[in-house]
PDB file of N, CA and C in Angstrom:
ATOM      1  N   MET A   1     -28.833  -2.483  -4.448  1.00  0.00           N
ATOM      2  CA  MET A   1     -27.424  -2.510  -4.774  1.00  0.00           C
ATOM      3  C   MET A   1     -26.637  -2.854  -3.502  1.00  0.00           C
ATOM      4  N   LYS A   2     -25.655  -3.721  -3.610  1.00  0.00           N
ATOM      5  CA  LYS A   2     -24.854  -4.149  -2.475  1.00  0.00           C
ATOM      6  C   LYS A   2     -23.620  -3.271  -2.314  1.00  0.00           C
ATOM      7  N   SER A   3     -23.070  -3.288  -1.117  1.00  0.00           N
ATOM      8  CA  SER A   3     -21.794  -2.624  -0.843  1.00  0.00           C
ATOM      9  C   SER A   3     -20.710  -3.688  -0.777  1.00  0.00           C
ATOM     10  N   TRP A   4     -19.562  -3.390  -1.344  1.00  0.00           N
ATOM     11  CA  TRP A   4     -18.425  -4.308  -1.387  1.00  0.00           C
ATOM     12  C   TRP A   4     -17.189  -3.632  -0.833  1.00  0.00           C
ATOM     13  N   THR A   5     -16.402  -4.381  -0.099  1.00  0.00           N
ATOM     14  CA  THR A   5     -15.111  -3.904   0.376  1.00  0.00           C
ATOM     15  C   THR A   5     -14.051  -4.420  -0.591  1.00  0.00           C
ATOM     16  N   ILE A   6     -13.316  -3.504  -1.210  1.00  0.00           N
ATOM     17  CA  ILE A   6     -12.317  -3.852  -2.212  1.00  0.00           C
ATOM     18  C   ILE A   6     -10.958  -3.346  -1.720  1.00  0.00           C
ATOM     19  N   PRO A   7      -9.953  -4.229  -1.568  1.00  0.00           N
ATOM     20  CA  PRO A   7      -8.640  -3.776  -1.112  1.00  0.00           C
ATOM     21  C   PRO A   7      -7.896  -3.030  -2.223  1.00  0.00           C
ATOM     22  N   VAL A   8      -7.371  -1.869  -1.881  1.00  0.00           N
ATOM     23  CA  VAL A   8      -6.631  -1.056  -2.842  1.00  0.00           C
ATOM     24  C   VAL A   8      -5.267  -0.685  -2.275  1.00  0.00           C
ATOM     25  N   THR A   9      -4.357  -0.344  -3.166  1.00  0.00           N
ATOM     26  CA  THR A   9      -3.002   0.044  -2.808  1.00  0.00           C
ATOM     27  C   THR A   9      -2.654   1.311  -3.568  1.00  0.00           C
ATOM     28  N   TRP A  10      -1.876   2.174  -2.928  1.00  0.00           N
ATOM     29  CA  TRP A  10      -1.382   3.364  -3.607  1.00  0.00           C
ATOM     30  C   TRP A  10      -0.012   3.707  -3.043  1.00  0.00           C
ATOM     31  N   GLU A  11       0.712   4.555  -3.751  1.00  0.00           N
ATOM     32  CA  GLU A  11       2.045   4.964  -3.324  1.00  0.00           C
ATOM     33  C   GLU A  11       2.040   6.407  -2.858  1.00  0.00           C
ATOM     34  N   MET A  12       2.918   6.659  -1.894  1.00  0.00           N
ATOM     35  CA  MET A  12       3.167   8.012  -1.428  1.00  0.00           C
ATOM     36  C   MET A  12       4.674   8.249  -1.551  1.00  0.00           C
ATOM     37  N   CYS A  13       5.074   9.497  -1.712  1.00  0.00           N
ATOM     38  CA  CYS A  13       6.506   9.808  -1.727  1.00  0.00           C
ATOM     39  C   CYS A  13       6.769  10.920  -0.716  1.00  0.00           C
ATOM     40  N   GLY A  14       7.957  10.891  -0.163  1.00  0.00           N
ATOM     41  CA  GLY A  14       8.362  11.886   0.818  1.00  0.00           C
ATOM     42  C   GLY A  14       9.878  11.872   0.920  1.00  0.00           C
ATOM     43  N   LYS A  15      10.400  12.578   1.898  1.00  0.00           N
ATOM     44  CA  LYS A  15      11.849  12.649   2.092  1.00  0.00           C
ATOM     45  C   LYS A  15      12.169  12.296   3.536  1.00  0.00           C
ATOM     46  N   VAL A  16      13.317  11.607   3.726  1.00  0.00           N
ATOM     47  CA  VAL A  16      13.826  11.319   5.062  1.00  0.00           C
ATOM     48  C   VAL A  16      15.248  11.847   5.155  1.00  0.00           C
ATOM     49  N   VAL A  17      15.665  12.174   6.347  1.00  0.00           N
ATOM     50  CA  VAL A  17      17.027  12.616   6.596  1.00  0.00           C
ATOM     51  C   VAL A  17      17.737  11.494   7.338  1.00  0.00           C
ATOM     52  N   VAL A  18      18.890  11.053   6.807  1.00  0.00           N
ATOM     53  CA  VAL A  18      19.689  10.029   7.463  1.00  0.00           C
ATOM     54  C   VAL A  18      21.111  10.554   7.642  1.00  0.00           C
ATOM     55  N   GLU A  19      21.775  10.038   8.650  1.00  0.00           N
ATOM     56  CA  GLU A  19      23.162  10.435   8.884  1.00  0.00           C
ATOM     57  C   GLU A  19      24.086   9.329   8.417  1.00  0.00           C
ATOM     58  N   ALA A  20      25.081   9.699   7.589  1.00  0.00           N
ATOM     59  CA  ALA A  20      26.035   8.736   7.047  1.00  0.00           C
ATOM     60  C   ALA A  20      27.256   9.502   6.544  1.00  0.00           C
ATOM     61  N   ASP A  21      28.355   8.781   6.364  1.00  0.00           N
ATOM     62  CA  ASP A  21      29.581   9.408   5.876  1.00  0.00           C
ATOM     63  C   ASP A  21      29.582   9.625   4.368  1.00  0.00           C
ATOM     64  N   THR A  22      28.850   8.782   3.634  1.00  0.00           N
ATOM     65  CA  THR A  22      28.827   8.895   2.171  1.00  0.00           C
ATOM     66  C   THR A  22      27.394   8.829   1.666  1.00  0.00           C
ATOM     67  N   LEU A  23      27.189   9.301   0.462  1.00  0.00           N
ATOM     68  CA  LEU A  23      25.874   9.219  -0.161  1.00  0.00           C
ATOM     69  C   LEU A  23      25.457   7.761  -0.328  1.00  0.00           C
ATOM     70  N   ASP A  24      26.388   6.916  -0.766  1.00  0.00           N
ATOM     71  CA  ASP A  24      26.065   5.497  -0.934  1.00  0.00           C
ATOM     72  C   ASP A  24      25.584   4.877   0.371  1.00  0.00           C
ATOM     73  N   GLU A  25      26.276   5.178   1.466  1.00  0.00           N
ATOM     74  CA  GLU A  25      25.880   4.657   2.772  1.00  0.00           C
ATOM     75  C   GLU A  25      24.502   5.201   3.166  1.00  0.00           C
ATOM     76  N   ALA A  26      24.278   6.479   2.904  1.00  0.00           N
ATOM     77  CA  ALA A  26      22.982   7.088   3.226  1.00  0.00           C
ATOM     78  C   ALA A  26      21.853   6.422   2.448  1.00  0.00           C
ATOM     79  N   MET A  27      22.103   6.090   1.193  1.00  0.00           N
ATOM     80  CA  MET A  27      21.080   5.439   0.375  1.00  0.00           C
ATOM     81  C   MET A  27      20.771   4.038   0.908  1.00  0.00           C
ATOM     82  N   VAL A  28      21.805   3.321   1.357  1.00  0.00           N
ATOM     83  CA  VAL A  28      21.585   1.994   1.945  1.00  0.00           C
ATOM     84  C   VAL A  28      20.761   2.119   3.219  1.00  0.00           C
ATOM     85  N   ILE A  29      21.113   3.077   4.067  1.00  0.00           N
ATOM     86  CA  ILE A  29      20.360   3.287   5.304  1.00  0.00           C
ATOM     87  C   ILE A  29      18.915   3.643   4.992  1.00  0.00           C
ATOM     88  N   ALA A  30      18.696   4.493   3.977  1.00  0.00           N
ATOM     89  CA  ALA A  30      17.347   4.931   3.619  1.00  0.00           C
ATOM     90  C   ALA A  30      16.484   3.796   3.075  1.00  0.00           C
ATOM     91  N   CYS A  31      17.110   2.739   2.576  1.00  0.00           N
ATOM     92  CA  CYS A  31      16.325   1.569   2.136  1.00  0.00           C
ATOM     93  C   CYS A  31      15.571   0.962   3.313  1.00  0.00           C
ATOM     94  N   ASP A  32      16.082   1.120   4.509  1.00  0.00           N
ATOM     95  CA  ASP A  32      15.413   0.779   5.764  1.00  0.00           C
ATOM     96  C   ASP A  32      14.888  -0.654   5.797  1.00  0.00           C
ATOM     97  N   GLU A  33      15.763  -1.598   5.530  1.00  0.00           N
ATOM     98  CA  GLU A  33      15.393  -3.015   5.544  1.00  0.00           C
ATOM     99  C   GLU A  33      14.751  -3.433   6.864  1.00  0.00           C
ATOM    100  N   ALA A  34      15.161  -2.815   7.977  1.00  0.00           N
ATOM    101  CA  ALA A  34      14.645  -3.190   9.299  1.00  0.00           C
ATOM    102  C   ALA A  34      13.345  -2.468   9.648  1.00  0.00           C
ATOM    103  N   GLY A  35      12.924  -1.524   8.820  1.00  0.00           N
ATOM    104  CA  GLY A  35      11.676  -0.802   9.078  1.00  0.00           C
ATOM    105  C   GLY A  35      11.749   0.104  10.297  1.00  0.00           C
ATOM    106  N   GLU A  36      12.898   0.751  10.520  1.00  0.00           N
ATOM    107  CA  GLU A  36      13.094   1.576  11.708  1.00  0.00           C
ATOM    108  C   GLU A  36      12.913   3.071  11.464  1.00  0.00           C
ATOM    109  N   ILE A  37      13.025   3.510  10.213  1.00  0.00           N
ATOM    110  CA  ILE A  37      12.890   4.938   9.919  1.00  0.00           C
ATOM    111  C   ILE A  37      11.404   5.294   9.906  1.00  0.00           C
ATOM    112  N   PRO A  38      11.016   6.331  10.655  1.00  0.00           N
ATOM    113  CA  PRO A  38       9.605   6.733  10.656  1.00  0.00           C
ATOM    114  C   PRO A  38       9.165   7.234   9.280  1.00  0.00           C
ATOM    115  N   LEU A  39       7.899   7.056   8.985  1.00  0.00           N
ATOM    116  CA  LEU A  39       7.356   7.578   7.734  1.00  0.00           C
ATOM    117  C   LEU A  39       7.481   9.101   7.719  1.00  0.00           C
ATOM    118  N   PRO A  40       7.717   9.678   6.554  1.00  0.00           N
ATOM    119  CA  PRO A  40       7.815  11.138   6.476  1.00  0.00           C
ATOM    120  C   PRO A  40       6.504  11.803   6.893  1.00  0.00           C
ATOM    121  N   VAL A  41       6.629  12.926   7.594  1.00  0.00           N
ATOM    122  CA  VAL A  41       5.453  13.692   8.006  1.00  0.00           C
ATOM    123  C   VAL A  41       4.800  14.327   6.777  1.00  0.00           C
ATOM    124  N   GLU A  42       5.616  14.898   5.909  1.00  0.00           N
ATOM    125  CA  GLU A  42       5.116  15.492   4.678  1.00  0.00           C
ATOM    126  C   GLU A  42       5.286  14.480   3.553  1.00  0.00           C
ATOM    127  N   SER A  43       4.197  14.178   2.878  1.00  0.00           N
ATOM    128  CA  SER A  43       4.270  13.225   1.768  1.00  0.00           C
ATOM    129  C   SER A  43       3.210  13.571   0.736  1.00  0.00           C
ATOM    130  N   ASN A  44       3.357  13.015  -0.452  1.00  0.00           N
ATOM    131  CA  ASN A  44       2.437  13.275  -1.556  1.00  0.00           C
ATOM    132  C   ASN A  44       2.057  11.975  -2.229  1.00  0.00           C
ATOM    133  N   TYR A  45       0.832  11.922  -2.707  1.00  0.00           N
ATOM    134  CA  TYR A  45       0.333  10.789  -3.475  1.00  0.00           C
ATOM    135  C   TYR A  45       1.073  10.714  -4.813  1.00  0.00           C
ATOM    136  N   VAL A  46       1.490   9.518  -5.213  1.00  0.00           N
ATOM    137  CA  VAL A  46       2.131   9.318  -6.509  1.00  0.00           C
ATOM    138  C   VAL A  46       1.034   9.127  -7.551  1.00  0.00           C
ATOM    139  N   ASP A  47       0.889  10.098  -8.443  1.00  0.00           N
ATOM    140  CA  ASP A  47      -0.154  10.044  -9.468  1.00  0.00           C
ATOM    141  C   ASP A  47      -0.107   8.723 -10.231  1.00  0.00           C
ATOM    142  N   GLY A  48      -1.265   8.141 -10.443  1.00  0.00           N
ATOM    143  CA  GLY A  48      -1.384   6.918 -11.227  1.00  0.00           C
ATOM    144  C   GLY A  48      -1.040   5.647 -10.474  1.00  0.00           C
ATOM    145  N   SER A  49      -0.779   5.741  -9.163  1.00  0.00           N
ATOM    146  CA  SER A  49      -0.364   4.543  -8.425  1.00  0.00           C
ATOM    147  C   SER A  49      -1.543   3.760  -7.847  1.00  0.00           C
ATOM    148  N   TRP A  50      -2.752   4.290  -7.875  1.00  0.00           N
ATOM    149  CA  TRP A  50      -3.939   3.624  -7.327  1.00  0.00           C
ATOM    150  C   TRP A  50      -4.215   2.350  -8.091  1.00  0.00           C
ATOM    151  N   GLN A  51      -4.350   1.226  -7.374  1.00  0.00           N
ATOM    152  CA  GLN A  51      -4.654  -0.053  -8.025  1.00  0.00           C
ATOM    153  C   GLN A  51      -5.304  -1.002  -7.033  1.00  0.00           C
ATOM    154  N   LEU A  52      -5.928  -2.032  -7.546  1.00  0.00           N
ATOM    155  CA  LEU A  52      -6.448  -3.083  -6.679  1.00  0.00           C
ATOM    156  C   LEU A  52      -5.274  -3.822  -6.048  1.00  0.00           C
ATOM    157  N   SER A  53      -5.388  -4.173  -4.775  1.00  0.00           N
ATOM    158  CA  SER A  53      -4.328  -4.929  -4.116  1.00  0.00           C
ATOM    159  C   SER A  53      -4.252  -6.347  -4.664  1.00  0.00           C
ATOM    160  N   THR A  54      -5.372  -6.861  -5.092  1.00  0.00           N
ATOM    161  CA  THR A  54      -5.443  -8.174  -5.728  1.00  0.00           C
ATOM    162  C   THR A  54      -6.606  -8.156  -6.704  1.00  0.00           C
ATOM    163  N   ASP A  55      -6.514  -8.956  -7.754  1.00  0.00           N
ATOM    164  CA  ASP A  55      -7.660  -9.077  -8.661  1.00  0.00           C
ATOM    165  C   ASP A  55      -8.264 -10.479  -8.571  1.00  0.00           C
ATOM    166  N   ASP A  56      -7.922 -11.194  -7.506  1.00  0.00           N
ATOM    167  CA  ASP A  56      -8.477 -12.530  -7.260  1.00  0.00           C
ATOM    168  C   ASP A  56      -9.872 -12.372  -6.657  1.00  0.00           C
ATOM    169  N   ARG A  57     -10.889 -12.584  -7.482  1.00  0.00           N
ATOM    170  CA  ARG A  57     -12.277 -12.365  -7.077  1.00  0.00           C
ATOM    171  C   ARG A  57     -12.656 -13.175  -5.845  1.00  0.00           C
ATOM    172  N   GLU A  58     -12.240 -14.437  -5.798  1.00  0.00           N
ATOM    173  CA  GLU A  58     -12.623 -15.278  -4.664  1.00  0.00           C
ATOM    174  C   GLU A  58     -11.936 -14.836  -3.376  1.00  0.00           C
ATOM    175  N   GLU A  59     -10.686 -14.379  -3.469  1.00  0.00           N
ATOM    176  CA  GLU A  59     -10.005 -13.851  -2.281  1.00  0.00           C
ATOM    177  C   GLU A  59     -10.725 -12.609  -1.766  1.00  0.00           C
ATOM    178  N   ILE A  60     -11.097 -11.718  -2.664  1.00  0.00           N
ATOM    179  CA  ILE A  60     -11.811 -10.508  -2.264  1.00  0.00           C
ATOM    180  C   ILE A  60     -13.169 -10.869  -1.668  1.00  0.00           C
ATOM    181  N   ARG A  61     -13.882 -11.794  -2.302  1.00  0.00           N
ATOM    182  CA  ARG A  61     -15.194 -12.201  -1.792  1.00  0.00           C
ATOM    183  C   ARG A  61     -15.065 -12.825  -0.405  1.00  0.00           C
ATOM    184  N   CYS A  62     -14.109 -13.731  -0.243  1.00  0.00           N
ATOM    185  CA  CYS A  62     -13.939 -14.478   1.006  1.00  0.00           C
ATOM    186  C   CYS A  62     -13.330 -13.625   2.113  1.00  0.00           C
ATOM    187  N   CYS A  63     -12.208 -12.995   1.840  1.00  0.00           N
ATOM    188  CA  CYS A  63     -11.434 -12.308   2.883  1.00  0.00           C
ATOM    189  C   CYS A  63     -11.963 -10.925   3.248  1.00  0.00           C
ATOM    190  N   TYR A  64     -12.647 -10.269   2.331  1.00  0.00           N
ATOM    191  CA  TYR A  64     -13.069  -8.897   2.582  1.00  0.00           C
ATOM    192  C   TYR A  64     -14.585  -8.705   2.606  1.00  0.00           C
ATOM    193  N   ASN A  65     -15.336  -9.725   2.156  1.00  0.00           N
ATOM    194  CA  ASN A  65     -16.782  -9.549   2.023  1.00  0.00           C
ATOM    195  C   ASN A  65     -17.596 -10.692   2.595  1.00  0.00           C
ATOM    196  N   LYS A  66     -17.013 -11.483   3.484  1.00  0.00           N
ATOM    197  CA  LYS A  66     -17.725 -12.550   4.194  1.00  0.00           C
ATOM    198  C   LYS A  66     -18.498 -13.465   3.247  1.00  0.00           C
ATOM    199  N   ASN A  67     -17.897 -13.764   2.087  1.00  0.00           N
ATOM    200  CA  ASN A  67     -18.510 -14.637   1.068  1.00  0.00           C
ATOM    201  C   ASN A  67     -19.858 -14.137   0.558  1.00  0.00           C
ATOM    202  N   GLN A  68     -20.049 -12.840   0.575  1.00  0.00           N
ATOM    203  CA  GLN A  68     -21.303 -12.246   0.071  1.00  0.00           C
ATOM    204  C   GLN A  68     -21.497 -12.622  -1.391  1.00  0.00           C
ATOM    205  N   PRO A  69     -22.671 -13.162  -1.748  1.00  0.00           N
ATOM    206  CA  PRO A  69     -22.915 -13.511  -3.148  1.00  0.00           C
ATOM    207  C   PRO A  69     -23.218 -12.265  -3.977  1.00  0.00           C
ATOM    208  N   ASP A  70     -23.062 -12.372  -5.296  1.00  0.00           N
ATOM    209  CA  ASP A  70     -23.448 -11.292  -6.197  1.00  0.00           C
ATOM    210  C   ASP A  70     -24.952 -11.126  -6.160  1.00  0.00           C
ATOM    211  N   GLU A  71     -25.429  -9.972  -6.549  1.00  0.00           N
ATOM    212  CA  GLU A  71     -26.868  -9.706  -6.622  1.00  0.00           C
ATOM    213  C   GLU A  71     -27.527 -10.743  -7.513  1.00  0.00           C
ATOM    214  N   GLY A  72     -28.609 -11.340  -7.050  1.00  0.00           N
ATOM    215  CA  GLY A  72     -29.340 -12.336  -7.822  1.00  0.00           C
ATOM    216  C   GLY A  72     -28.858 -13.767  -7.620  1.00  0.00           C
ATOM    217  N   GLU A  73     -27.737 -13.952  -6.910  1.00  0.00           N
ATOM    218  CA  GLU A  73     -27.252 -15.300  -6.603  1.00  0.00           C
ATOM    219  C   GLU A  73     -27.703 -15.704  -5.213  1.00  0.00           C
ATOM    220  N   ASN A  74     -27.871 -16.990  -4.991  1.00  0.00           N
ATOM    221  CA  ASN A  74     -28.278 -17.467  -3.660  1.00  0.00           C
ATOM    222  C   ASN A  74     -27.137 -18.061  -2.923  1.00  0.00           C
TER     223      ASN A  74
END
């Protein structure tokens, strides 16, 4: 039996504290378009969020498995 590397994605949820004059402004800041807010220290897995990052077999074979053939293929 062969080993395969399969890319997966999942979601986590947490809370951040931002400083703003209004809730609307705080929500815009929390969107963090610039990627400057650190990830929350405390976070939880979002149930049911586990999925394949891609279902493109050839991309997975090429990019993650060095073009490894299926068992029985040459």
